[in-house]
Amino acid sequence: MTQSSRYSAVAIALHWAIAIGIIGMILLGWNMDDSEFLFQLHKSIGITILMLTIARIVWRLMNPPPPLPAEMAGYEKTASHLVHFGFYALMLAMPLTGWLLVSTSYNFHVPTVLYGLISWPEIPGVGFLANKDGHGAVQFVHSKLAWVALGLLALHVAGAVKHEFSAEEGVLKRMLPGLFGKSEKPAPPPHGALIAFGAAIGVFVLIAFVPSLFSGSSSTSPSSGENTAGPGISPNWDVDYDASEIRFGGTHDGSEYEGEFKSWSAQIQFDPDNLDAARVHVAVQSASAEANKKLYTDSLRSAEWLYAPQYPEATVDLSSFRRTGDETYTADATLTIKQKSVTVPFDFELEIDGDEARMTGQTTVERTPLELGLQSDPNAEWVGEQVHIEVEVRASRTN
């Protein structure tokens, strides 16, 4: 009774990493409803499997697997090869159809952020599938692949166990980590690990990072202070942008989120003794919105939220200033986003010390009148209707 040669350590590691990933993907797919964390984890593991599969295919091409035992019948060898071929096809099809499913979402869009750290783009050119029929077809195929995986897994395990206890003992052991089988002649040393993993890393970088280099999103966000002319404003204050900020916050899935606009500019015409003439115009670069989670940041830049590529700038115009106390005021704030406007009261406190001023203010706006998030959450079941905005401005009087 002969024992089959073992796979290389790299092949064994890739085999078990992908196997555990596929099983985890199936379990997550059946239990991730209404869980943002599990949904993102499902997508992250799927892309990981795709990259590991690329490495495994390249590795296998450079390091052919050990031959099956000579005692195996011809039809058994054919069945074994077909199951292996099916697994390789599955390891590509499952993550690719999942990626396609996310890319064709038409009624509930959530960006993909791998492990909460790296933005993953959608597949370009698949807009023709972004409808009920097209998306539904992709969803059907992707969901049924889980059953294909379970079927292939059952055949694979059954075959390995059967041959482990038959004349060709050792088929199972040659893929178990830590167990060393014997072979009649030493196998050639494995080679090409750098090429295999380098290919996977190269594909990952090409997809995840290269498109952002040519998106031009950063070029649409001028630095703070480069404001377009405000409506009839003669500014008499210069803003210290390093000491000033515009922050926002709200709730998502019962938890609070917060963020900040990193690039904005303001023209201020204000004299506490002449409130009738007071005017403020603020230009905010939509692409500069950064939330406390990368998933939220990517969501804000999408089409149903701020959509920076098409609407790079949001504006706020303050007028109708009224004094409410010794150092407190209120004004009408007209917020315009994606050509939709709302007017809300803006309450603030202003401290003026000679030529220096510090203003802190706040307001609350509702997102649905601005048509924000209407596609995926029009009834505010997940993202709260109210968005709270806080502003702090340090400024110096102009000469």
Foldseek 3Di string as FASTA:
>chain_A
DAAFAFFDPLLLVLVVLLVVLLVLLLVLVVPVPPPPVSVLASLQSLLVLQLSLQLNVVQCVQPPGTDADPPDDPVLSVVQVVLVVVVSVLSNLQNVLVLQLQLLAQQAHFWHARVLHFGFDGDPPPPVLNDDVSSVVSVVVNNCSSVVVVVSVVVNVVSQVVCCPDPHNHSVVSSDPPGGGDDPDDDDDRDDSCVSSVVSVVVVCVRGPPVVVVPCLVVLFDAEPPDDDDDPADAFKDWPLVPKWKKKWFFFQRHIKIWTQRHKYKGWDDDPVCQQPTKMKMKTFQLRIDIPTVSVSVLCCDDQHQVCVVWGIKMKMWHDWDDDDPFKIKTWIWIAGPNFIDIWIKIWGWDDDPFKIKIKIKDKDFCVSNRHPCRNCVPCPGTHRIMIMIIIIIIGGHD
